[in-house]
Protein backbone atom coordinates (compact mmCIF):
# COMPACT_ATOMS: atom_id res chain seq x y z
CA UNK A 1 -257.51 -123.28 174.94
CA UNK A 2 -259.26 -124.31 171.74
CA UNK A 3 -258.49 -120.91 170.18
CA UNK A 4 -254.82 -121.26 171.06
CA UNK A 5 -254.68 -124.76 169.58
CA UNK A 6 -256.29 -123.54 166.37
CA UNK A 7 -253.87 -120.62 166.16
CA UNK A 8 -250.88 -122.90 166.71
CA UNK A 9 -252.07 -125.22 163.93
CA UNK A 10 -252.47 -122.25 161.58
CA UNK A 11 -248.92 -121.16 162.32
CA UNK A 12 -247.68 -124.71 161.69
CA UNK A 13 -249.57 -124.78 158.39
CA UNK A 14 -248.02 -121.48 157.33
CA UNK A 15 -244.53 -122.69 158.22
CA UNK A 16 -244.95 -126.05 156.48
CA UNK A 17 -246.48 -124.37 153.43
CA UNK A 18 -243.37 -122.22 153.05
CA UNK A 19 -241.05 -125.18 153.60
CA UNK A 20 -243.18 -127.27 151.26
CA UNK A 21 -242.86 -124.81 148.37
CA UNK A 22 -239.08 -124.77 148.74
CA UNK A 23 -239.01 -128.56 148.98
CA UNK A 24 -241.14 -129.05 145.86
CA UNK A 25 -238.96 -126.67 143.84
CA UNK A 26 -235.76 -128.38 145.01
CA UNK A 27 -237.22 -131.82 144.36
CA UNK A 28 -238.12 -130.81 140.80
CA UNK A 29 -234.65 -129.39 140.23
CA UNK A 30 -233.07 -132.61 141.50
CA UNK A 31 -235.38 -134.74 139.34
CA UNK A 32 -234.34 -132.88 136.19
CA UNK A 33 -230.68 -133.31 137.11
CA UNK A 34 -230.70 -136.89 138.41
CA UNK A 35 -233.71 -139.30 138.31
CA UNK A 36 -231.18 -142.15 138.32
CA UNK A 37 -233.72 -144.64 139.72
CA UNK A 38 -236.34 -144.00 137.02
CA UNK A 39 -235.31 -147.18 135.10
CA UNK A 40 -236.20 -145.62 131.77
CA UNK A 41 -232.95 -147.11 130.47
CA UNK A 42 -233.91 -150.65 131.50
CA UNK A 43 -237.38 -150.28 130.00
CA UNK A 44 -235.89 -148.84 126.78
CA UNK A 45 -233.42 -151.70 126.42
CA UNK A 46 -236.25 -154.19 126.95
CA UNK A 47 -238.51 -152.41 124.44
CA UNK A 48 -235.75 -152.86 121.86
CA UNK A 49 -235.84 -156.63 122.41
CA UNK A 50 -232.60 -156.75 124.40
CA UNK A 51 -232.27 -158.39 127.81
CA UNK A 52 -231.78 -155.62 130.43
CA UNK A 53 -230.94 -158.16 133.15
CA UNK A 54 -228.07 -159.70 131.20
CA UNK A 55 -226.85 -156.20 130.35
CA UNK A 56 -226.96 -155.32 134.06
CA UNK A 57 -225.15 -158.44 135.21
CA UNK A 58 -222.68 -158.60 132.30
CA UNK A 59 -222.62 -155.27 130.42
CA UNK A 60 -221.78 -155.38 126.73
CA UNK A 61 -220.52 -152.73 124.31
CA UNK A 62 -223.89 -152.87 122.56
CA UNK A 63 -225.44 -150.56 125.16
CA UNK A 64 -222.77 -147.90 124.72
CA UNK A 65 -223.83 -147.48 121.12
CA UNK A 66 -227.25 -146.34 122.28
CA UNK A 67 -225.73 -143.24 123.89
CA UNK A 68 -227.85 -143.07 127.06
CA UNK A 69 -224.95 -142.72 129.49
CA UNK A 70 -225.39 -138.94 129.54
CA UNK A 71 -228.66 -139.38 131.43
CA UNK A 72 -228.42 -142.82 133.07
CA UNK A 73 -224.91 -143.75 134.18
CA UNK A 74 -225.31 -147.44 135.00
CA UNK A 75 -227.96 -149.97 134.01
CA UNK A 76 -229.47 -151.71 137.06
CA UNK A 77 -232.58 -153.56 135.92
CA UNK A 78 -233.92 -154.74 139.29
CA UNK A 79 -237.61 -154.62 138.35
CA UNK A 80 -239.51 -157.63 137.02
CA UNK A 81 -240.27 -157.47 133.27
CA UNK A 82 -244.01 -156.95 133.79
CA UNK A 83 -243.17 -153.85 135.83
CA UNK A 84 -240.71 -152.44 133.30
CA UNK A 85 -243.48 -152.74 130.72
CA UNK A 86 -245.41 -150.11 132.68
CA UNK A 87 -242.69 -147.66 131.64
CA UNK A 88 -242.91 -148.46 127.92
CA UNK A 89 -244.97 -145.30 127.16
CA UNK A 90 -242.07 -143.20 128.52
CA UNK A 91 -239.60 -144.99 126.25
CA UNK A 92 -241.32 -143.38 123.26
CA UNK A 93 -239.69 -140.14 124.41
CA UNK A 94 -235.97 -139.21 124.27
CA UNK A 95 -234.12 -139.69 127.59
CA UNK A 96 -234.28 -136.09 128.83
CA UNK A 97 -237.89 -135.58 127.74
CA UNK A 98 -238.82 -138.84 129.48
CA UNK A 99 -237.20 -137.54 132.64
CA UNK A 100 -239.36 -134.40 132.52
CA UNK A 101 -242.45 -136.52 131.83
CA UNK A 102 -241.70 -138.75 134.83
CA UNK A 103 -241.29 -135.69 137.05
CA UNK A 104 -244.67 -134.31 135.96
CA UNK A 105 -246.20 -137.75 136.47
CA UNK A 106 -244.82 -137.97 140.02
CA UNK A 107 -246.24 -134.54 140.85
CA UNK A 108 -249.64 -135.67 139.58
CA UNK A 109 -249.37 -138.91 141.54
CA UNK A 110 -248.54 -136.90 144.67
CA UNK A 111 -251.61 -134.69 144.22
CA UNK A 112 -253.75 -137.80 143.82
CA UNK A 113 -252.24 -139.36 146.96
CA UNK A 114 -253.25 -136.26 148.91
CA UNK A 115 -256.79 -136.48 147.53
CA UNK A 116 -257.15 -140.25 147.98
CA UNK A 117 -255.89 -140.18 151.56
CA UNK A 118 -258.71 -137.78 152.37
CA UNK A 119 -261.18 -140.12 150.70
CA UNK A 120 -259.87 -143.26 152.42
CA UNK A 121 -257.73 -143.57 155.54
CA UNK A 122 -257.87 -139.90 156.56
CA UNK A 123 -261.55 -139.27 155.88
CA UNK A 124 -262.37 -138.94 159.60
CA UNK A 125 -259.41 -136.72 160.46
CA UNK A 126 -259.82 -133.08 161.41
CA UNK A 127 -259.27 -130.83 158.42
CA UNK A 128 -256.36 -128.89 159.91
CA UNK A 129 -254.58 -132.08 160.96
CA UNK A 130 -255.01 -133.47 157.45
CA UNK A 131 -253.58 -130.31 155.85
CA UNK A 132 -250.63 -130.35 158.26
CA UNK A 133 -249.80 -133.95 157.39
CA UNK A 134 -249.99 -133.35 153.64
CA UNK A 135 -247.71 -130.31 153.91
CA UNK A 136 -245.42 -132.28 156.21
CA UNK A 137 -245.01 -134.91 153.51
CA UNK A 138 -244.12 -132.30 150.89
CA UNK A 139 -241.74 -130.43 153.18
CA UNK A 140 -239.91 -133.53 154.39
CA UNK A 141 -236.65 -134.84 152.99
CA UNK A 142 -238.02 -138.32 152.06
CA UNK A 143 -240.57 -137.08 149.52
CA UNK A 144 -238.17 -134.50 148.08
CA UNK A 145 -235.40 -137.07 147.63
CA UNK A 146 -237.89 -139.59 146.27
CA UNK A 147 -238.90 -137.16 143.53
CA UNK A 148 -235.27 -136.18 142.95
CA UNK A 149 -234.02 -139.70 142.28
CA UNK A 150 -237.08 -140.62 140.21
CA UNK A 151 -238.24 -143.45 142.45
CA UNK A 152 -241.52 -145.41 142.13
CA UNK A 153 -243.16 -145.46 145.58
CA UNK A 154 -245.33 -142.40 144.87
CA UNK A 155 -246.59 -144.11 141.71
CA UNK A 156 -247.31 -147.37 143.53
CA UNK A 157 -248.86 -145.86 146.65
CA UNK A 158 -251.23 -143.78 144.53
CA UNK A 159 -252.52 -146.85 142.70
CA UNK A 160 -252.86 -148.79 145.96
CA UNK A 161 -254.96 -145.98 147.45
CA UNK A 162 -257.00 -145.81 144.24
CA UNK A 163 -257.62 -149.55 144.56
CA UNK A 164 -258.83 -149.09 148.14
CA UNK A 165 -261.02 -146.16 147.08
CA UNK A 166 -262.67 -148.25 144.33
CA UNK A 167 -263.04 -151.19 146.73
CA UNK A 168 -264.85 -149.06 149.31
CA UNK A 169 -267.23 -147.45 146.82
CA UNK A 170 -267.98 -150.17 144.29
CA UNK A 171 -269.63 -153.55 144.60
CA UNK A 172 -266.58 -155.77 144.13
CA UNK A 173 -268.83 -158.81 144.04
CA UNK A 174 -269.51 -157.68 140.48
CA UNK A 175 -266.95 -157.46 137.68
CA UNK A 176 -267.60 -153.72 137.31
CA UNK A 177 -266.15 -153.21 140.79
CA UNK A 178 -263.77 -156.16 141.12
CA UNK A 179 -261.79 -155.59 137.92
CA UNK A 180 -260.97 -151.88 138.52
CA UNK A 181 -259.93 -152.57 142.13
CA UNK A 182 -257.73 -155.51 141.07
CA UNK A 183 -256.28 -153.60 138.10
CA UNK A 184 -255.24 -150.65 140.27
CA UNK A 185 -253.65 -153.06 142.76
CA UNK A 186 -251.92 -154.83 139.86
CA UNK A 187 -250.31 -151.56 138.73
CA UNK A 188 -249.36 -150.70 142.32
CA UNK A 189 -247.10 -153.77 142.43
CA UNK A 190 -244.54 -151.65 140.52
CA UNK A 191 -242.88 -150.97 143.90
CA UNK A 192 -243.66 -154.43 145.22
CA UNK A 193 -241.42 -154.01 148.28
CA UNK A 194 -243.99 -151.45 149.48
CA UNK A 195 -247.29 -152.65 148.04
CA UNK A 196 -246.99 -156.44 148.31
CA UNK A 197 -247.32 -156.14 152.12
CA UNK A 198 -250.04 -153.50 151.67
CA UNK A 199 -251.98 -155.92 149.45
CA UNK A 200 -252.57 -157.96 152.61
CA UNK A 201 -255.09 -155.25 153.47
CA UNK A 202 -257.46 -157.27 151.29
CA UNK A 203 -256.73 -160.41 153.31
CA UNK A 204 -257.83 -158.39 156.33
CA UNK A 205 -260.95 -157.39 154.37
CA UNK A 206 -261.60 -161.06 153.56
CA UNK A 207 -261.15 -160.49 149.83
CA UNK A 208 -258.07 -162.52 148.90
CA UNK A 209 -259.46 -162.79 145.36
CA UNK A 210 -258.43 -159.19 144.66
CA UNK A 211 -254.64 -159.54 145.26
CA UNK A 212 -254.66 -162.92 143.52
CA UNK A 213 -256.44 -161.48 140.48
CA UNK A 214 -254.04 -158.52 140.56
CA UNK A 215 -251.10 -160.89 140.22
CA UNK A 216 -252.35 -162.72 137.12
CA UNK A 217 -251.43 -160.01 134.57
CA UNK A 218 -247.86 -160.04 135.89
CA UNK A 219 -247.60 -163.78 135.32
CA UNK A 220 -248.87 -163.39 131.75
CA UNK A 221 -246.61 -160.41 131.00
CA UNK A 222 -243.59 -162.22 132.45
CA UNK A 223 -244.24 -165.09 130.05
CA UNK A 224 -244.56 -162.62 127.17
CA UNK A 225 -241.26 -160.98 128.16
CA UNK A 226 -239.52 -164.35 128.31
CA UNK A 227 -240.67 -165.11 124.77
CA UNK A 228 -239.72 -161.64 123.58
CA UNK A 229 -236.17 -161.86 124.94
CA UNK A 230 -235.62 -165.54 124.25
CA UNK A 231 -235.12 -166.39 127.91
CA UNK A 232 -236.90 -168.66 130.38
CA UNK A 233 -239.81 -167.70 132.60
CA UNK A 234 -237.76 -168.66 135.66
CA UNK A 235 -234.91 -166.38 134.62
CA UNK A 236 -237.36 -163.49 134.26
CA UNK A 237 -237.91 -163.82 138.01
CA UNK A 238 -234.45 -164.93 139.08
CA UNK A 239 -232.34 -162.34 137.24
CA UNK A 240 -234.13 -159.19 138.50
CA UNK A 241 -233.81 -160.54 142.04
CA UNK A 242 -230.12 -161.15 141.45
CA UNK A 243 -229.65 -157.52 140.41
CA UNK A 244 -231.78 -156.35 143.35
CA UNK A 245 -229.63 -158.40 145.75
CA UNK A 246 -226.78 -155.92 145.18
CA UNK A 247 -228.65 -153.51 147.44
CA UNK A 248 -229.75 -155.97 150.12
CA UNK A 249 -227.72 -154.47 152.97
CA UNK A 250 -227.72 -150.87 151.73
CA UNK A 251 -231.12 -149.88 153.07
CA UNK A 252 -231.71 -147.21 155.68
CA UNK A 253 -233.80 -148.62 158.51
CA UNK A 254 -234.88 -152.09 157.43
CA UNK A 255 -233.91 -155.01 159.64
CA UNK A 256 -231.28 -156.45 157.28
CA UNK A 257 -229.53 -153.09 156.98
CA UNK A 258 -229.57 -152.60 160.77
CA UNK A 259 -228.23 -156.10 161.46
CA UNK A 260 -225.56 -155.53 158.83
CA UNK A 261 -224.46 -152.34 160.62
CA UNK A 262 -224.02 -154.36 163.79
CA UNK A 263 -222.14 -157.01 161.82
CA UNK A 264 -224.58 -159.81 162.72
CA UNK A 265 -226.32 -160.52 159.40
CA UNK A 266 -225.49 -164.07 158.24
CA UNK A 267 -225.10 -164.69 154.51
CA UNK A 268 -228.47 -165.26 152.83
CA UNK A 269 -230.38 -164.23 155.94
CA UNK A 270 -231.97 -161.18 154.34
CA UNK A 271 -234.30 -163.19 152.09
CA UNK A 272 -235.22 -165.51 154.96
CA UNK A 273 -236.07 -162.52 157.17
CA UNK A 274 -238.30 -161.07 154.46
CA UNK A 275 -240.15 -164.34 153.82
CA UNK A 276 -240.70 -165.03 157.53
CA UNK A 277 -241.99 -161.53 158.26
CA UNK A 278 -244.23 -161.56 155.19
CA UNK A 279 -245.74 -164.87 156.30
CA UNK A 280 -246.28 -163.53 159.81
CA UNK A 281 -247.87 -160.40 158.36
CA UNK A 282 -250.26 -162.50 156.29
CA UNK A 283 -251.31 -164.40 159.43
CA UNK A 284 -251.77 -161.10 161.25
CA UNK A 285 -254.02 -159.71 158.48
CA UNK A 286 -256.05 -162.94 158.43
CA UNK A 287 -256.54 -162.98 162.21
CA UNK A 288 -257.42 -159.30 162.39
CA UNK A 289 -259.96 -159.77 159.62
CA UNK A 290 -261.67 -162.53 161.56
CA UNK A 291 -261.69 -160.46 164.75
CA UNK A 292 -262.92 -157.34 162.93
CA UNK A 293 -261.35 -155.25 165.67
CA UNK A 294 -261.98 -151.56 166.17
CA UNK A 295 -260.60 -149.26 164.85
CA UNK A 296 -259.45 -151.99 162.46
CA UNK A 297 -258.55 -150.16 159.23
CA UNK A 298 -256.30 -147.61 160.93
CA UNK A 299 -254.48 -150.18 163.04
CA UNK A 300 -254.03 -152.71 160.25
CA UNK A 301 -252.84 -150.26 157.59
CA UNK A 302 -250.37 -148.82 160.10
CA UNK A 303 -248.93 -152.26 160.85
CA UNK A 304 -248.77 -153.12 157.14
CA UNK A 305 -247.06 -149.88 156.14
CA UNK A 306 -244.49 -149.84 158.91
CA UNK A 307 -243.74 -153.54 158.48
CA UNK A 308 -243.20 -153.04 154.75
CA UNK A 309 -240.61 -150.39 155.63
CA UNK A 310 -238.58 -152.64 157.93
CA UNK A 311 -238.94 -156.12 156.42
CA UNK A 312 -237.08 -155.47 153.15
CA UNK A 313 -234.67 -153.02 151.55
CA UNK A 314 -235.88 -149.42 151.65
CA UNK A 315 -233.97 -146.17 151.56
CA UNK A 316 -234.99 -143.15 153.64
CA UNK A 317 -236.73 -141.59 150.62
CA UNK A 318 -239.48 -144.22 150.90
CA UNK A 319 -240.36 -143.10 154.41
CA UNK A 320 -242.67 -140.32 153.25
CA UNK A 321 -245.39 -142.94 153.88
CA UNK A 322 -244.90 -142.29 157.61
CA UNK A 323 -247.69 -139.71 157.40
CA UNK A 324 -250.33 -142.43 156.93
CA UNK A 325 -250.01 -144.01 160.42
CA UNK A 326 -251.03 -140.62 161.83
CA UNK A 327 -254.60 -141.67 160.93
CA UNK A 328 -254.26 -144.00 163.93
CA UNK A 329 -251.78 -142.01 166.01
CA UNK A 330 -253.99 -138.90 166.16
CA UNK A 331 -257.10 -140.75 167.29
CA UNK A 332 -258.31 -139.83 170.75
CA UNK A 333 -258.03 -143.47 171.82
CA UNK A 334 -254.27 -143.40 171.20
CA UNK A 335 -252.20 -142.59 174.32
CA UNK A 336 -250.70 -139.11 174.31
CA UNK A 337 -247.24 -140.55 174.94
CA UNK A 338 -247.47 -142.65 171.77
CA UNK A 339 -248.56 -139.59 169.78
CA UNK A 340 -245.53 -137.65 170.97
CA UNK A 341 -243.24 -140.62 170.38
CA UNK A 342 -244.31 -141.14 166.76
CA UNK A 343 -244.35 -137.41 166.01
CA UNK A 344 -240.77 -137.02 167.21
CA UNK A 345 -239.73 -140.12 165.26
CA UNK A 346 -241.32 -138.76 162.08
CA UNK A 347 -239.80 -135.30 162.47
CA UNK A 348 -236.37 -136.87 162.96
CA UNK A 349 -236.68 -138.88 159.75
CA UNK A 350 -238.18 -135.97 157.78
CA UNK A 351 -235.94 -133.13 158.89
CA UNK A 352 -233.00 -134.19 161.09
CA UNK A 353 -231.59 -137.24 159.34
CA UNK A 354 -230.51 -135.27 156.28
CA UNK A 355 -227.95 -133.33 158.31
CA UNK A 356 -226.06 -136.55 159.03
CA UNK A 357 -225.98 -137.73 155.43
CA UNK A 358 -227.70 -140.96 156.51
CA UNK A 359 -224.60 -142.07 158.38
CA UNK A 360 -224.88 -145.43 160.14
CA UNK A 361 -224.82 -143.86 163.60
CA UNK A 362 -227.70 -141.56 162.62
CA UNK A 363 -229.80 -144.36 161.10
CA UNK A 364 -229.69 -146.82 163.99
CA UNK A 365 -231.75 -144.73 166.50
CA UNK A 366 -234.74 -144.13 164.15
CA UNK A 367 -234.53 -147.75 162.99
CA UNK A 368 -234.82 -149.04 166.55
CA UNK A 369 -237.48 -146.40 167.22
CA UNK A 370 -239.49 -147.65 164.26
CA UNK A 371 -239.26 -151.27 165.43
CA UNK A 372 -240.47 -150.29 168.90
CA UNK A 373 -243.38 -148.30 167.47
CA UNK A 374 -244.35 -151.21 165.23
CA UNK A 375 -244.31 -153.66 168.12
CA UNK A 376 -246.44 -151.35 170.28
CA UNK A 377 -249.03 -150.77 167.56
CA UNK A 378 -249.20 -154.46 166.68
CA UNK A 379 -249.71 -155.52 170.31
CA UNK A 380 -252.29 -152.78 170.87
CA UNK A 381 -254.23 -153.86 167.77
CA UNK A 382 -254.80 -157.28 169.35
CA UNK A 383 -256.05 -155.60 172.51
CA UNK A 384 -258.67 -153.55 170.67
CA UNK A 385 -262.34 -154.41 171.33
CA UNK A 386 -264.05 -156.79 168.95
CA UNK A 387 -267.18 -155.85 167.00
CA UNK A 388 -269.79 -158.50 166.32
CA UNK A 389 -270.04 -159.02 162.55
CA UNK A 390 -273.18 -161.17 162.51
CA UNK A 391 -271.64 -163.19 159.71
CA UNK A 392 -271.45 -160.24 157.32
CA UNK A 393 -268.50 -159.56 155.07
CA UNK A 394 -266.04 -156.95 156.32
CA UNK A 395 -266.02 -153.90 154.05
């Protein structure tokens, strides 16, 4: 039986490797052609001393003179100024060259994600299972589309995993360990809709100083941007959110998008939903940290990742992160039925959804399936046995 299982896994690896190569090539081709979400244009406008948020909300003829429309059709500066500053190095390049540079960067970030997962949350996984999951990510539609539209989740997830890696291997009681871990987390906030919930991993680890320290550079850079553009600090927070609000109900499987499809999302409810869930998630991370439940890291990171996907706007291309919960799902303690359930859910999102063009009717089933999985995993995490900590810090 063991031989058969090994053979089946080898066949799966061969199949996914072939699909993965095709997917990577198509993703690169799409990235060269599109990359519309890169936000190079917003960063470029800001680097020139102009206000990208005002130009997004009330476009002027001044932007047309820059001649970037050939590569970026419409300016939508929905990132905070401190995050756009992370793209300033790319603005030194012409638009098309910057697009190529961002593609290469995303491929490097992807390779680092694969490495860092093995060094962190997937370090105890069987080698073949780990290879299958990495190839599954590359072969799936979410990662391919993510690369194609030039999104930022790969960038942010890589820096979050790098922060966790540093945290686990350095003495973060000392500046030599604390500063690198906080700096990597700081950079990961680029896609804050993904990594702000993930930062609660440090609340679970009883190290709230790390996410707090990681937020300080953004406060300073926001003040600098306000001075640079002659606007107020408050507007540097308010205006990006106003631009981002255009997409509030256009997500794929988040709660606001699902409620909107059923026609039951009251005006202004999306922000309330996000705040309430984020607060509940913070309480969850705090409680789990005090319980130090087993296997804590796998359960907590699964809850954090899946909650981040459903609490706020996300498109299907962000769901490549669904491979990470397999660190918990594939454990022998996990019921076989739950393994099958999550595997089917993931395969649907990765390979089936694309055939329906993300139509509403095709998005509702995986959305509800994701909510059910999240509820099950959250409830089960509270039922896990508790390990005596003897007053020691959780690491």
